[in-house]
Amino acid sequence: MKISLMGKSSIGFPFFLFFFSMASYTYGQNMELGFGAGTFNYTGDLAPTYEFRNQRPAFTVFYGYNISKAVTFRVSATAGFLHGNDTRPADPFGGSRDSSFSAIGQTSEFNIFLFEAATTFEYHFMDWRSERSMLRWTPYLFGGFGFFSISGIEDKSADYSTIQPSFPLGIGFKYIISPRWYLGLEFGARFTFFDHLDNISSGDHVDKNFRYGNWRDNDKYYFLGLKLTYAFYDIPCPKNPY
């Protein structure tokens, strides 16, 4: 089964309009803007476990608003490519299936393009932004809700929508470079109710062509990357004692 890279989804355009309107509205308040680069990965019928060989480039931009010292609300857009194949099958069925969603025979090895729009909440464990604190770092957890869209599927194995919900959940680490700049490392899983990221799911088991997988096990995708954040905040003026 081969899938070729096709046009990218246009779902991102209205999201970015919302993104920048929110940023304009909250400018000068406790706001953050940032971007990051890293990799997407996937687990599913072609890769039951996380395999570093399947990592492919991904990029993200985000807006954050600090609700409190510990909690940040974040809106993000993340896009990149997914890859997987049966070259190292986990079981005999995978070897017989010999499926792939890499662009075999194409000029690029990338295949399906995935765009995600998500809202999440971050919880920071340390009092790292306080002027009285000596800490310049903090670990954090995040979780939330989003939607993703995939494109590049040439022959769909079933009738399904290419826009699906996802539930981001992960961990991260932030370090203060300067009062306005933060550097972060983040890893997050995206849990789905979807079993067709690799275009493999249930099939006709009577027809022993092995073009099917485990439909009870939904696919997941992951983002691992570095992030650079610029923080906007009001600097309080000292009160006039006279």
Protein backbone atom coordinates (compact mmCIF):
# COMPACT_ATOMS: atom_id res chain seq x y z
CA MET A 1 0.00 0.00 0.00
CA LYS A 2 1.56 3.25 -1.10
CA ILE A 3 0.46 6.76 -0.24
CA SER A 4 1.83 9.84 -1.93
CA LEU A 5 2.25 13.36 -0.59
CA MET A 6 -0.55 15.63 -1.73
CA GLY A 7 -1.77 19.15 -0.96
CA LYS A 8 -1.63 20.43 2.57
CA SER A 9 -4.83 21.13 4.48
CA SER A 10 -6.24 24.68 4.48
CA ILE A 11 -7.61 24.25 7.99
CA GLY A 12 -4.75 26.32 9.37
CA PHE A 13 -5.74 29.67 7.80
CA PRO A 14 -8.75 30.51 9.98
CA PHE A 15 -6.87 29.25 13.02
CA PHE A 16 -4.04 31.70 12.42
CA LEU A 17 -6.54 34.55 12.08
CA PHE A 18 -7.84 33.64 15.53
CA PHE A 19 -4.29 33.22 16.83
CA PHE A 20 -3.14 36.70 15.85
CA SER A 21 -6.39 38.42 16.85
CA MET A 22 -5.98 36.94 20.35
CA ALA A 23 -2.37 38.07 20.45
CA SER A 24 -3.32 41.62 19.47
CA TYR A 25 -6.08 41.79 22.06
CA THR A 26 -3.86 40.74 24.95
CA TYR A 27 -0.70 42.60 23.97
CA GLY A 28 0.95 44.21 26.95
CA GLN A 29 -0.60 41.80 29.39
CA ASN A 30 0.93 38.58 30.68
CA MET A 31 1.29 37.06 27.23
CA GLU A 32 3.77 34.74 25.52
CA LEU A 33 4.49 34.02 21.87
CA GLY A 34 6.81 31.36 20.59
CA PHE A 35 7.81 28.78 18.04
CA GLY A 36 9.54 25.43 18.02
CA ALA A 37 11.06 22.73 15.85
CA GLY A 38 11.23 19.01 16.39
CA THR A 39 9.79 15.75 15.14
CA PHE A 40 6.53 13.90 14.74
CA ASN A 41 6.33 10.19 15.41
CA TYR A 42 3.56 7.64 15.35
CA THR A 43 2.46 4.33 16.87
CA GLY A 44 -0.13 2.08 15.31
CA ASP A 45 -0.43 -1.07 13.24
CA LEU A 46 2.87 -0.52 11.42
CA ALA A 47 4.77 0.53 14.56
CA PRO A 48 3.26 -0.83 17.80
CA THR A 49 6.02 0.85 19.85
CA TYR A 50 7.75 4.23 19.62
CA GLU A 51 10.62 3.92 17.13
CA PHE A 52 13.11 6.75 16.62
CA ARG A 53 13.69 5.69 13.01
CA ASN A 54 10.16 6.87 12.20
CA GLN A 55 10.74 10.47 13.34
CA ARG A 56 10.04 13.14 10.75
CA PRO A 57 10.26 16.98 10.86
CA ALA A 58 7.57 19.03 12.56
CA PHE A 59 7.19 22.70 13.52
CA THR A 60 4.97 24.59 15.93
CA VAL A 61 3.89 28.14 16.80
CA PHE A 62 1.97 29.04 19.94
CA TYR A 63 0.37 31.74 22.03
CA GLY A 64 0.28 31.55 25.81
CA TYR A 65 -1.47 33.49 28.53
CA ASN A 66 -0.36 33.16 32.16
CA ILE A 67 -3.52 32.66 34.19
CA SER A 68 -1.50 32.41 37.42
CA LYS A 69 2.08 31.86 38.53
CA ALA A 70 1.67 28.13 38.01
CA VAL A 71 -0.84 27.80 35.14
CA THR A 72 -0.53 28.92 31.51
CA PHE A 73 -3.24 28.64 28.87
CA ARG A 74 -1.79 27.83 25.44
CA VAL A 75 -3.12 27.82 21.88
CA SER A 76 -0.87 26.14 19.34
CA ALA A 77 -0.59 25.15 15.70
CA THR A 78 1.73 22.24 14.87
CA ALA A 79 2.45 20.74 11.46
CA GLY A 80 4.72 18.06 10.07
CA PHE A 81 5.01 14.65 8.46
CA LEU A 82 4.32 11.08 9.60
CA HIS A 83 6.16 7.94 8.51
CA GLY A 84 5.84 4.21 9.07
CA ASN A 85 6.29 0.87 7.31
CA ASP A 86 6.43 -2.89 7.77
CA THR A 87 10.15 -3.24 7.06
CA ARG A 88 10.62 -4.47 10.65
CA PRO A 89 7.29 -6.20 11.26
CA ALA A 90 6.19 -6.82 14.84
CA ASP A 91 4.48 -10.09 13.87
CA PRO A 92 4.11 -12.45 10.86
CA PHE A 93 1.00 -10.61 9.70
CA GLY A 94 3.03 -7.42 9.30
CA GLY A 95 5.62 -9.24 7.21
CA SER A 96 2.92 -10.57 4.90
CA ARG A 97 1.18 -7.20 4.75
CA ASP A 98 4.37 -5.30 3.78
CA SER A 99 2.53 -1.98 3.96
CA SER A 100 3.93 1.53 4.12
CA PHE A 101 2.96 5.15 4.22
CA SER A 102 6.32 6.41 3.06
CA ALA A 103 6.39 7.86 -0.43
CA ILE A 104 8.20 4.96 -2.08
CA GLY A 105 9.30 5.89 -5.56
CA GLN A 106 8.80 9.60 -4.90
CA THR A 107 11.49 12.27 -4.68
CA SER A 108 10.74 12.68 -0.96
CA GLU A 109 10.48 10.02 1.72
CA PHE A 110 7.83 12.03 3.55
CA ASN A 111 4.25 11.02 3.28
CA ILE A 112 1.15 12.16 5.03
CA PHE A 113 1.08 15.75 6.19
CA LEU A 114 -0.55 16.39 9.57
CA PHE A 115 -1.77 19.76 10.88
CA GLU A 116 -2.90 20.13 14.48
CA ALA A 117 -4.69 23.00 16.25
CA ALA A 118 -4.88 22.57 20.02
CA THR A 119 -5.65 24.32 23.28
CA THR A 120 -3.82 23.11 26.39
CA PHE A 121 -3.11 24.08 29.97
CA GLU A 122 0.43 23.95 31.39
CA TYR A 123 1.11 23.43 35.09
CA HIS A 124 4.57 24.58 36.25
CA PHE A 125 5.90 22.93 39.40
CA MET A 126 8.43 25.59 40.44
CA ASP A 127 8.08 29.28 41.29
CA TRP A 128 10.47 30.03 38.46
CA ARG A 129 9.24 33.43 37.22
CA SER A 130 9.24 35.23 40.54
CA GLU A 131 11.85 37.98 40.93
CA ARG A 132 12.49 36.70 44.45
CA SER A 133 13.24 33.16 43.30
CA MET A 134 16.75 31.95 42.53
CA LEU A 135 15.38 29.24 40.22
CA ARG A 136 15.72 29.73 36.48
CA TRP A 137 13.97 26.52 35.42
CA THR A 138 10.89 24.40 35.95
CA PRO A 139 9.40 21.09 34.80
CA TYR A 140 5.78 21.18 33.71
CA LEU A 141 2.86 19.00 32.66
CA PHE A 142 0.33 19.86 29.98
CA GLY A 143 -2.95 18.50 28.72
CA GLY A 144 -5.88 19.64 26.62
CA PHE A 145 -7.94 19.16 23.50
CA GLY A 146 -7.34 19.65 19.79
CA PHE A 147 -8.14 18.70 16.24
CA PHE A 148 -5.84 17.35 13.56
CA SER A 149 -6.14 17.07 9.80
CA ILE A 150 -4.21 14.68 7.55
CA SER A 151 -3.62 14.89 3.81
CA GLY A 152 -1.66 12.85 1.30
CA ILE A 153 -3.69 9.64 1.33
CA GLU A 154 -3.98 8.36 -2.22
CA ASP A 155 -6.27 5.34 -1.72
CA LYS A 156 -8.29 5.38 1.49
CA SER A 157 -8.85 1.90 2.92
CA ALA A 158 -12.22 2.95 4.40
CA ASP A 159 -14.71 5.82 4.47
CA TYR A 160 -13.45 8.14 7.21
CA SER A 161 -13.00 11.84 7.84
CA THR A 162 -9.47 13.24 7.60
CA ILE A 163 -10.27 15.73 10.40
CA GLN A 164 -10.34 14.14 13.85
CA PRO A 165 -10.13 15.15 17.55
CA SER A 166 -7.03 14.54 19.64
CA PHE A 167 -6.09 14.81 23.30
CA PRO A 168 -2.56 16.15 23.90
CA LEU A 169 -0.82 15.09 27.09
CA GLY A 170 2.84 15.45 27.93
CA ILE A 171 5.75 16.84 29.91
CA GLY A 172 8.28 19.60 29.41
CA PHE A 173 11.14 21.60 30.85
CA LYS A 174 11.65 25.39 30.66
CA TYR A 175 14.74 27.47 31.31
CA ILE A 176 14.92 31.28 31.61
CA ILE A 177 17.56 32.65 29.23
CA SER A 178 16.64 36.25 30.09
CA PRO A 179 13.60 37.95 31.68
CA ARG A 180 11.76 37.82 28.36
CA TRP A 181 13.18 34.70 26.68
CA TYR A 182 12.57 31.07 27.70
CA LEU A 183 14.00 27.90 26.17
CA GLY A 184 12.01 24.70 26.49
CA LEU A 185 12.15 20.99 25.71
CA GLU A 186 8.81 19.19 25.33
CA PHE A 187 7.51 15.72 24.64
CA GLY A 188 3.82 15.00 24.19
CA ALA A 189 1.54 12.21 23.02
CA ARG A 190 -1.68 12.81 21.09
CA PHE A 191 -4.34 10.27 21.96
CA THR A 192 -7.02 9.73 19.31
CA PHE A 193 -10.20 7.77 18.60
CA PHE A 194 -8.81 7.13 15.12
CA ASP A 195 -7.23 3.99 13.64
CA HIS A 196 -6.37 5.23 10.14
CA LEU A 197 -3.25 7.40 10.52
CA ASP A 198 -1.43 4.58 8.68
CA ASN A 199 -4.49 3.79 6.52
CA ILE A 200 -4.58 0.33 8.13
CA SER A 201 -7.43 -0.85 10.36
CA SER A 202 -10.11 -3.53 10.08
CA GLY A 203 -10.35 -5.49 6.85
CA ASP A 204 -11.82 -8.50 5.15
CA HIS A 205 -10.33 -11.36 7.16
CA VAL A 206 -11.86 -13.89 4.76
CA ASP A 207 -9.68 -12.52 1.99
CA LYS A 208 -6.23 -13.48 3.26
CA ASN A 209 -4.37 -10.54 1.76
CA PHE A 210 -3.32 -9.36 5.26
CA ARG A 211 -4.28 -5.75 4.42
CA TYR A 212 -5.68 -5.18 7.86
CA GLY A 213 -4.59 -4.49 11.42
CA ASN A 214 -5.98 -4.29 14.94
CA TRP A 215 -9.03 -2.03 14.77
CA ARG A 216 -9.37 -2.09 18.58
CA ASP A 217 -6.04 -0.26 19.03
CA ASN A 218 -6.30 3.41 18.05
CA ASP A 219 -3.29 5.18 16.53
CA LYS A 220 -1.32 7.87 18.38
CA TYR A 221 1.12 10.52 17.25
CA TYR A 222 3.81 12.39 19.18
CA PHE A 223 5.72 15.67 19.14
CA LEU A 224 9.25 16.01 20.51
CA GLY A 225 10.97 19.35 20.14
CA LEU A 226 12.70 22.49 21.34
CA LYS A 227 10.72 25.69 21.89
CA LEU A 228 11.72 29.35 22.16
CA THR A 229 9.29 31.68 23.94
CA TYR A 230 9.16 35.50 24.12
CA ALA A 231 7.23 36.86 27.12
CA PHE A 232 5.36 40.18 27.12
CA TYR A 233 4.52 41.67 30.49
CA ASP A 234 3.91 45.07 32.08
CA ILE A 235 6.75 46.46 34.15
CA PRO A 236 5.23 48.14 37.21
CA CYS A 237 6.24 51.71 37.91
CA PRO A 238 7.33 52.62 41.44
CA LYS A 239 4.80 54.62 43.40
CA ASN A 240 5.50 58.27 44.02
CA PRO A 241 6.00 58.59 47.78
CA TYR A 242 5.27 62.32 47.70
